[in-house]
Amino acid sequence: MVERVTQDWKLAQALTRNATIIDVAFALGRLKCNVDASFSPSYNKVGIGMCVRDAEGCFVLINTTCFSPLFSVDIGEVLGLFNAL
């Protein structure tokens, strides 16, 4: 199981490195949400962290949650985004 999670993480990192990133200033009134997931095979859980910032990059809201059973990396990230919305 650990090997599978490690492979999923490496794939996600490779996809992120290959993506084109465009740094665009946020319009006033817009928010940005960053989501990250952590995976614990020993506890059979996925931990999710979400952070919302405003157009100036100032902190607005943060939340954490966890799910069981352990999911794949892509599902963990999607659950984080879903919970943030």
PDB file of N, CA and C in Angstrom:
ATOM      1  N   MET A   1       0.818  -1.197   0.000  1.00  0.00           N
ATOM      2  CA  MET A   1       0.000   0.000   0.000  1.00  0.00           C
ATOM      3  C   MET A   1       0.862   1.262   0.000  1.00  0.00           C
ATOM      4  N   VAL A   2       1.920   1.278   0.806  1.00  0.00           N
ATOM      5  CA  VAL A   2       2.809   2.437   0.868  1.00  0.00           C
ATOM      6  C   VAL A   2       3.442   2.685  -0.494  1.00  0.00           C
ATOM      7  N   GLU A   3       3.823   1.611  -1.168  1.00  0.00           N
ATOM      8  CA  GLU A   3       4.439   1.747  -2.488  1.00  0.00           C
ATOM      9  C   GLU A   3       3.462   2.403  -3.469  1.00  0.00           C
ATOM     10  N   ARG A   4       2.193   2.023  -3.412  1.00  0.00           N
ATOM     11  CA  ARG A   4       1.171   2.594  -4.298  1.00  0.00           C
ATOM     12  C   ARG A   4       0.993   4.087  -4.025  1.00  0.00           C
ATOM     13  N   VAL A   5       0.939   4.475  -2.760  1.00  0.00           N
ATOM     14  CA  VAL A   5       0.791   5.879  -2.394  1.00  0.00           C
ATOM     15  C   VAL A   5       2.007   6.674  -2.868  1.00  0.00           C
ATOM     16  N   THR A   6       3.190   6.100  -2.701  1.00  0.00           N
ATOM     17  CA  THR A   6       4.415   6.757  -3.155  1.00  0.00           C
ATOM     18  C   THR A   6       4.409   6.947  -4.669  1.00  0.00           C
ATOM     19  N   GLN A   7       3.983   5.942  -5.400  1.00  0.00           N
ATOM     20  CA  GLN A   7       3.898   6.047  -6.861  1.00  0.00           C
ATOM     21  C   GLN A   7       2.892   7.121  -7.273  1.00  0.00           C
ATOM     22  N   ASP A   8       1.736   7.160  -6.600  1.00  0.00           N
ATOM     23  CA  ASP A   8       0.731   8.178  -6.895  1.00  0.00           C
ATOM     24  C   ASP A   8       1.272   9.577  -6.633  1.00  0.00           C
ATOM     25  N   TRP A   9       2.004   9.730  -5.516  1.00  0.00           N
ATOM     26  CA  TRP A   9       2.572  11.032  -5.190  1.00  0.00           C
ATOM     27  C   TRP A   9       3.587  11.463  -6.249  1.00  0.00           C
ATOM     28  N   LYS A  10       4.452  10.543  -6.660  1.00  0.00           N
ATOM     29  CA  LYS A  10       5.454  10.869  -7.678  1.00  0.00           C
ATOM     30  C   LYS A  10       4.792  11.262  -8.990  1.00  0.00           C
ATOM     31  N   LEU A  11       3.715  10.580  -9.364  1.00  0.00           N
ATOM     32  CA  LEU A  11       2.990  10.928 -10.582  1.00  0.00           C
ATOM     33  C   LEU A  11       2.391  12.321 -10.471  1.00  0.00           C
ATOM     34  N   ALA A  12       1.788  12.638  -9.332  1.00  0.00           N
ATOM     35  CA  ALA A  12       1.198  13.964  -9.128  1.00  0.00           C
ATOM     36  C   ALA A  12       2.258  15.049  -9.207  1.00  0.00           C
ATOM     37  N   GLN A  13       3.444  14.799  -8.648  1.00  0.00           N
ATOM     38  CA  GLN A  13       4.528  15.777  -8.697  1.00  0.00           C
ATOM     39  C   GLN A  13       5.021  15.986 -10.126  1.00  0.00           C
ATOM     40  N   ALA A  14       5.117  14.902 -10.890  1.00  0.00           N
ATOM     41  CA  ALA A  14       5.563  15.001 -12.283  1.00  0.00           C
ATOM     42  C   ALA A  14       4.561  15.803 -13.106  1.00  0.00           C
ATOM     43  N   LEU A  15       3.284  15.567 -12.889  1.00  0.00           N
ATOM     44  CA  LEU A  15       2.257  16.302 -13.626  1.00  0.00           C
ATOM     45  C   LEU A  15       2.292  17.781 -13.267  1.00  0.00           C
ATOM     46  N   THR A  16       2.528  18.089 -11.989  1.00  0.00           N
ATOM     47  CA  THR A  16       2.597  19.477 -11.551  1.00  0.00           C
ATOM     48  C   THR A  16       3.790  20.181 -12.180  1.00  0.00           C
ATOM     49  N   ARG A  17       4.934  19.511 -12.233  1.00  0.00           N
ATOM     50  CA  ARG A  17       6.137  20.115 -12.822  1.00  0.00           C
ATOM     51  C   ARG A  17       5.968  20.382 -14.306  1.00  0.00           C
ATOM     52  N   ASN A  18       5.189  19.557 -14.985  1.00  0.00           N
ATOM     53  CA  ASN A  18       5.005  19.709 -16.427  1.00  0.00           C
ATOM     54  C   ASN A  18       3.905  20.694 -16.781  1.00  0.00           C
ATOM     55  N   ALA A  19       3.107  21.094 -15.823  1.00  0.00           N
ATOM     56  CA  ALA A  19       2.005  22.016 -16.091  1.00  0.00           C
ATOM     57  C   ALA A  19       2.554  23.422 -16.322  1.00  0.00           C
ATOM     58  N   THR A  20       1.875  24.168 -17.157  1.00  0.00           N
ATOM     59  CA  THR A  20       2.224  25.565 -17.379  1.00  0.00           C
ATOM     60  C   THR A  20       1.531  26.385 -16.307  1.00  0.00           C
ATOM     61  N   ILE A  21       2.307  27.174 -15.584  1.00  0.00           N
ATOM     62  CA  ILE A  21       1.748  27.979 -14.503  1.00  0.00           C
ATOM     63  C   ILE A  21       1.746  29.436 -14.929  1.00  0.00           C
ATOM     64  N   ILE A  22       0.582  30.039 -14.858  1.00  0.00           N
ATOM     65  CA  ILE A  22       0.441  31.444 -15.229  1.00  0.00           C
ATOM     66  C   ILE A  22       0.150  32.231 -13.960  1.00  0.00           C
ATOM     67  N   ASP A  23       1.012  33.183 -13.648  1.00  0.00           N
ATOM     68  CA  ASP A  23       0.836  33.992 -12.450  1.00  0.00           C
ATOM     69  C   ASP A  23       0.003  35.212 -12.810  1.00  0.00           C
ATOM     70  N   VAL A  24      -1.254  35.179 -12.428  1.00  0.00           N
ATOM     71  CA  VAL A  24      -2.172  36.262 -12.752  1.00  0.00           C
ATOM     72  C   VAL A  24      -2.676  36.868 -11.451  1.00  0.00           C
ATOM     73  N   ALA A  25      -2.666  38.189 -11.385  1.00  0.00           N
ATOM     74  CA  ALA A  25      -3.171  38.860 -10.185  1.00  0.00           C
ATOM     75  C   ALA A  25      -4.676  38.608 -10.081  1.00  0.00           C
ATOM     76  N   PHE A  26      -5.137  38.365  -8.876  1.00  0.00           N
ATOM     77  CA  PHE A  26      -6.553  38.112  -8.649  1.00  0.00           C
ATOM     78  C   PHE A  26      -7.328  39.411  -8.772  1.00  0.00           C
ATOM     79  N   ALA A  27      -8.512  39.324  -9.342  1.00  0.00           N
ATOM     80  CA  ALA A  27      -9.405  40.477  -9.354  1.00  0.00           C
ATOM     81  C   ALA A  27      -9.950  40.656  -7.939  1.00  0.00           C
ATOM     82  N   LEU A  28     -10.258  41.881  -7.585  1.00  0.00           N
ATOM     83  CA  LEU A  28     -10.811  42.125  -6.257  1.00  0.00           C
ATOM     84  C   LEU A  28     -12.074  41.303  -6.063  1.00  0.00           C
ATOM     85  N   GLY A  29     -12.229  40.773  -4.881  1.00  0.00           N
ATOM     86  CA  GLY A  29     -13.406  39.968  -4.574  1.00  0.00           C
ATOM     87  C   GLY A  29     -13.231  38.490  -4.839  1.00  0.00           C
ATOM     88  N   ARG A  30     -12.123  38.089  -5.425  1.00  0.00           N
ATOM     89  CA  ARG A  30     -11.889  36.675  -5.692  1.00  0.00           C
ATOM     90  C   ARG A  30     -11.112  36.049  -4.551  1.00  0.00           C
ATOM     91  N   LEU A  31     -11.292  34.737  -4.414  1.00  0.00           N
ATOM     92  CA  LEU A  31     -10.582  33.976  -3.396  1.00  0.00           C
ATOM     93  C   LEU A  31      -9.780  32.867  -4.048  1.00  0.00           C
ATOM     94  N   LYS A  32      -8.706  32.449  -3.388  1.00  0.00           N
ATOM     95  CA  LYS A  32      -7.901  31.325  -3.846  1.00  0.00           C
ATOM     96  C   LYS A  32      -7.885  30.281  -2.737  1.00  0.00           C
ATOM     97  N   CYS A  33      -8.120  29.026  -3.124  1.00  0.00           N
ATOM     98  CA  CYS A  33      -8.126  27.942  -2.153  1.00  0.00           C
ATOM     99  C   CYS A  33      -7.024  26.950  -2.499  1.00  0.00           C
ATOM    100  N   ASN A  34      -6.122  26.714  -1.552  1.00  0.00           N
ATOM    101  CA  ASN A  34      -5.101  25.687  -1.694  1.00  0.00           C
ATOM    102  C   ASN A  34      -5.533  24.471  -0.894  1.00  0.00           C
ATOM    103  N   VAL A  35      -5.380  23.304  -1.502  1.00  0.00           N
ATOM    104  CA  VAL A  35      -5.785  22.052  -0.872  1.00  0.00           C
ATOM    105  C   VAL A  35      -4.605  21.094  -0.906  1.00  0.00           C
ATOM    106  N   ASP A  36      -4.399  20.376   0.192  1.00  0.00           N
ATOM    107  CA  ASP A  36      -3.367  19.350   0.207  1.00  0.00           C
ATOM    108  C   ASP A  36      -3.875  18.159   1.004  1.00  0.00           C
ATOM    109  N   ALA A  37      -3.361  17.006   0.668  1.00  0.00           N
ATOM    110  CA  ALA A  37      -3.788  15.781   1.346  1.00  0.00           C
ATOM    111  C   ALA A  37      -2.564  15.035   1.865  1.00  0.00           C
ATOM    112  N   SER A  38      -2.738  14.384   3.002  1.00  0.00           N
ATOM    113  CA  SER A  38      -1.684  13.525   3.553  1.00  0.00           C
ATOM    114  C   SER A  38      -2.273  12.129   3.711  1.00  0.00           C
ATOM    115  N   PHE A  39      -1.426  11.128   3.607  1.00  0.00           N
ATOM    116  CA  PHE A  39      -1.888   9.748   3.575  1.00  0.00           C
ATOM    117  C   PHE A  39      -1.162   8.928   4.632  1.00  0.00           C
ATOM    118  N   SER A  40      -1.940   8.233   5.472  1.00  0.00           N
ATOM    119  CA  SER A  40      -1.366   7.434   6.543  1.00  0.00           C
ATOM    120  C   SER A  40      -1.861   5.995   6.445  1.00  0.00           C
ATOM    121  N   PRO A  41      -1.067   5.134   5.812  1.00  0.00           N
ATOM    122  CA  PRO A  41      -1.463   3.722   5.729  1.00  0.00           C
ATOM    123  C   PRO A  41      -1.587   3.066   7.109  1.00  0.00           C
ATOM    124  N   SER A  42      -0.758   3.471   8.067  1.00  0.00           N
ATOM    125  CA  SER A  42      -0.811   2.848   9.385  1.00  0.00           C
ATOM    126  C   SER A  42      -2.116   3.157  10.121  1.00  0.00           C
ATOM    127  N   TYR A  43      -2.702   4.336   9.874  1.00  0.00           N
ATOM    128  CA  TYR A  43      -3.990   4.691  10.475  1.00  0.00           C
ATOM    129  C   TYR A  43      -5.152   4.469   9.508  1.00  0.00           C
ATOM    130  N   ASN A  44      -4.844   4.111   8.254  1.00  0.00           N
ATOM    131  CA  ASN A  44      -5.846   3.893   7.213  1.00  0.00           C
ATOM    132  C   ASN A  44      -6.709   5.144   7.018  1.00  0.00           C
ATOM    133  N   LYS A  45      -6.041   6.321   6.981  1.00  0.00           N
ATOM    134  CA  LYS A  45      -6.756   7.592   6.860  1.00  0.00           C
ATOM    135  C   LYS A  45      -6.077   8.525   5.868  1.00  0.00           C
ATOM    136  N   VAL A  46      -6.890   9.433   5.356  1.00  0.00           N
ATOM    137  CA  VAL A  46      -6.412  10.527   4.515  1.00  0.00           C
ATOM    138  C   VAL A  46      -6.711  11.814   5.260  1.00  0.00           C
ATOM    139  N   GLY A  47      -5.700  12.662   5.457  1.00  0.00           N
ATOM    140  CA  GLY A  47      -5.895  13.965   6.087  1.00  0.00           C
ATOM    141  C   GLY A  47      -5.950  15.032   5.013  1.00  0.00           C
ATOM    142  N   ILE A  48      -6.881  15.952   5.143  1.00  0.00           N
ATOM    143  CA  ILE A  48      -7.067  17.010   4.143  1.00  0.00           C
ATOM    144  C   ILE A  48      -6.900  18.360   4.825  1.00  0.00           C
ATOM    145  N   GLY A  49      -6.134  19.258   4.194  1.00  0.00           N
ATOM    146  CA  GLY A  49      -5.985  20.621   4.684  1.00  0.00           C
ATOM    147  C   GLY A  49      -6.377  21.602   3.590  1.00  0.00           C
ATOM    148  N   MET A  50      -7.125  22.639   3.952  1.00  0.00           N
ATOM    149  CA  MET A  50      -7.577  23.645   2.995  1.00  0.00           C
ATOM    150  C   MET A  50      -7.282  25.032   3.549  1.00  0.00           C
ATOM    151  N   CYS A  51      -6.791  25.918   2.704  1.00  0.00           N
ATOM    152  CA  CYS A  51      -6.494  27.289   3.112  1.00  0.00           C
ATOM    153  C   CYS A  51      -7.049  28.240   2.054  1.00  0.00           C
ATOM    154  N   VAL A  52      -7.873  29.195   2.485  1.00  0.00           N
ATOM    155  CA  VAL A  52      -8.469  30.182   1.576  1.00  0.00           C
ATOM    156  C   VAL A  52      -7.823  31.526   1.848  1.00  0.00           C
ATOM    157  N   ARG A  53      -7.401  32.179   0.752  1.00  0.00           N
ATOM    158  CA  ARG A  53      -6.804  33.514   0.840  1.00  0.00           C
ATOM    159  C   ARG A  53      -7.544  34.466  -0.090  1.00  0.00           C
ATOM    160  N   ASP A  54      -7.486  35.758   0.215  1.00  0.00           N
ATOM    161  CA  ASP A  54      -8.169  36.743  -0.621  1.00  0.00           C
ATOM    162  C   ASP A  54      -7.270  37.215  -1.766  1.00  0.00           C
ATOM    163  N   ALA A  55      -7.745  38.206  -2.503  1.00  0.00           N
ATOM    164  CA  ALA A  55      -7.025  38.702  -3.677  1.00  0.00           C
ATOM    165  C   ALA A  55      -5.655  39.263  -3.336  1.00  0.00           C
ATOM    166  N   GLU A  56      -5.455  39.685  -2.100  1.00  0.00           N
ATOM    167  CA  GLU A  56      -4.165  40.226  -1.674  1.00  0.00           C
ATOM    168  C   GLU A  56      -3.278  39.164  -1.041  1.00  0.00           C
ATOM    169  N   GLY A  57      -3.763  37.923  -0.986  1.00  0.00           N
ATOM    170  CA  GLY A  57      -2.993  36.840  -0.408  1.00  0.00           C
ATOM    171  C   GLY A  57      -3.135  36.713   1.099  1.00  0.00           C
ATOM    172  N   CYS A  58      -4.068  37.460   1.679  1.00  0.00           N
ATOM    173  CA  CYS A  58      -4.280  37.421   3.128  1.00  0.00           C
ATOM    174  C   CYS A  58      -5.169  36.244   3.508  1.00  0.00           C
ATOM    175  N   PHE A  59      -4.868  35.658   4.649  1.00  0.00           N
ATOM    176  CA  PHE A  59      -5.613  34.527   5.174  1.00  0.00           C
ATOM    177  C   PHE A  59      -7.081  34.880   5.368  1.00  0.00           C
ATOM    178  N   VAL A  60      -7.977  33.967   4.935  1.00  0.00           N
ATOM    179  CA  VAL A  60      -9.413  34.129   5.131  1.00  0.00           C
ATOM    180  C   VAL A  60      -9.959  32.999   6.000  1.00  0.00           C
ATOM    181  N   LEU A  61      -9.615  31.763   5.640  1.00  0.00           N
ATOM    182  CA  LEU A  61     -10.200  30.611   6.315  1.00  0.00           C
ATOM    183  C   LEU A  61      -9.298  29.399   6.154  1.00  0.00           C
ATOM    184  N   ILE A  62      -9.291  28.540   7.155  1.00  0.00           N
ATOM    185  CA  ILE A  62      -8.555  27.281   7.068  1.00  0.00           C
ATOM    186  C   ILE A  62      -9.433  26.177   7.646  1.00  0.00           C
ATOM    187  N   ASN A  63      -9.277  24.978   7.121  1.00  0.00           N
ATOM    188  CA  ASN A  63     -10.044  23.845   7.630  1.00  0.00           C
ATOM    189  C   ASN A  63      -9.223  22.571   7.428  1.00  0.00           C
ATOM    190  N   THR A  64      -9.413  21.633   8.320  1.00  0.00           N
ATOM    191  CA  THR A  64      -8.801  20.319   8.170  1.00  0.00           C
ATOM    192  C   THR A  64      -9.868  19.266   8.431  1.00  0.00           C
ATOM    193  N   THR A  65      -9.694  18.117   7.823  1.00  0.00           N
ATOM    194  CA  THR A  65     -10.595  16.991   8.045  1.00  0.00           C
ATOM    195  C   THR A  65      -9.851  15.711   7.698  1.00  0.00           C
ATOM    196  N   CYS A  66     -10.420  14.587   8.028  1.00  0.00           N
ATOM    197  CA  CYS A  66      -9.800  13.322   7.648  1.00  0.00           C
ATOM    198  C   CYS A  66     -10.880  12.321   7.245  1.00  0.00           C
ATOM    199  N   PHE A  67     -10.477  11.365   6.417  1.00  0.00           N
ATOM    200  CA  PHE A  67     -11.371  10.341   5.906  1.00  0.00           C
ATOM    201  C   PHE A  67     -10.733   8.973   6.097  1.00  0.00           C
ATOM    202  N   SER A  68     -11.579   7.990   6.250  1.00  0.00           N
ATOM    203  CA  SER A  68     -11.145   6.609   6.299  1.00  0.00           C
ATOM    204  C   SER A  68     -12.124   5.823   5.434  1.00  0.00           C
ATOM    205  N   PRO A  69     -11.697   4.897   4.638  1.00  0.00           N
ATOM    206  CA  PRO A  69     -10.378   4.295   4.538  1.00  0.00           C
ATOM    207  C   PRO A  69      -9.437   5.147   3.685  1.00  0.00           C
ATOM    208  N   LEU A  70      -8.223   4.683   3.562  1.00  0.00           N
ATOM    209  CA  LEU A  70      -7.189   5.337   2.765  1.00  0.00           C
ATOM    210  C   LEU A  70      -7.598   5.358   1.303  1.00  0.00           C
ATOM    211  N   PHE A  71      -7.491   6.527   0.654  1.00  0.00           N
ATOM    212  CA  PHE A  71      -7.806   6.680  -0.755  1.00  0.00           C
ATOM    213  C   PHE A  71      -6.532   6.883  -1.557  1.00  0.00           C
ATOM    214  N   SER A  72      -6.666   6.862  -2.875  1.00  0.00           N
ATOM    215  CA  SER A  72      -5.537   7.189  -3.746  1.00  0.00           C
ATOM    216  C   SER A  72      -5.289   8.699  -3.675  1.00  0.00           C
ATOM    217  N   VAL A  73      -4.151   9.144  -4.162  1.00  0.00           N
ATOM    218  CA  VAL A  73      -3.773  10.559  -4.109  1.00  0.00           C
ATOM    219  C   VAL A  73      -4.794  11.422  -4.831  1.00  0.00           C
ATOM    220  N   ASP A  74      -5.189  11.039  -6.040  1.00  0.00           N
ATOM    221  CA  ASP A  74      -6.122  11.877  -6.801  1.00  0.00           C
ATOM    222  C   ASP A  74      -7.472  12.003  -6.104  1.00  0.00           C
ATOM    223  N   ILE A  75      -7.966  10.933  -5.519  1.00  0.00           N
ATOM    224  CA  ILE A  75      -9.238  10.983  -4.794  1.00  0.00           C
ATOM    225  C   ILE A  75      -9.097  11.839  -3.534  1.00  0.00           C
ATOM    226  N   GLY A  76      -7.976  11.717  -2.837  1.00  0.00           N
ATOM    227  CA  GLY A  76      -7.743  12.533  -1.646  1.00  0.00           C
ATOM    228  C   GLY A  76      -7.752  14.009  -1.957  1.00  0.00           C
ATOM    229  N   GLU A  77      -7.092  14.403  -3.045  1.00  0.00           N
ATOM    230  CA  GLU A  77      -7.057  15.814  -3.450  1.00  0.00           C
ATOM    231  C   GLU A  77      -8.446  16.304  -3.861  1.00  0.00           C
ATOM    232  N   VAL A  78      -9.178  15.475  -4.587  1.00  0.00           N
ATOM    233  CA  VAL A  78     -10.531  15.853  -5.013  1.00  0.00           C
ATOM    234  C   VAL A  78     -11.448  16.018  -3.795  1.00  0.00           C
ATOM    235  N   LEU A  79     -11.342  15.119  -2.826  1.00  0.00           N
ATOM    236  CA  LEU A  79     -12.156  15.253  -1.610  1.00  0.00           C
ATOM    237  C   LEU A  79     -11.822  16.542  -0.867  1.00  0.00           C
ATOM    238  N   GLY A  80     -10.551  16.925  -0.879  1.00  0.00           N
ATOM    239  CA  GLY A  80     -10.161  18.191  -0.248  1.00  0.00           C
ATOM    240  C   GLY A  80     -10.804  19.372  -0.937  1.00  0.00           C
ATOM    241  N   LEU A  81     -10.767  19.391  -2.257  1.00  0.00           N
ATOM    242  CA  LEU A  81     -11.385  20.485  -3.010  1.00  0.00           C
ATOM    243  C   LEU A  81     -12.895  20.492  -2.804  1.00  0.00           C
ATOM    244  N   PHE A  82     -13.511  19.318  -2.834  1.00  0.00           N
ATOM    245  CA  PHE A  82     -14.955  19.214  -2.611  1.00  0.00           C
ATOM    246  C   PHE A  82     -15.331  19.782  -1.249  1.00  0.00           C
ATOM    247  N   ASN A  83     -14.578  19.432  -0.212  1.00  0.00           N
ATOM    248  CA  ASN A  83     -14.871  19.940   1.128  1.00  0.00           C
ATOM    249  C   ASN A  83     -14.631  21.440   1.233  1.00  0.00           C
ATOM    250  N   ALA A  84     -13.674  21.943   0.494  1.00  0.00           N
ATOM    251  CA  ALA A  84     -13.408  23.382   0.513  1.00  0.00           C
ATOM    252  C   ALA A  84     -14.577  24.156  -0.088  1.00  0.00           C
ATOM    253  N   LEU A  85     -15.163  23.587  -1.143  1.00  0.00           N
ATOM    254  CA  LEU A  85     -16.307  24.262  -1.770  1.00  0.00           C
ATOM    255  C   LEU A  85     -17.502  24.235  -0.860  1.00  0.00           C
TER     256      LEU A  85
END
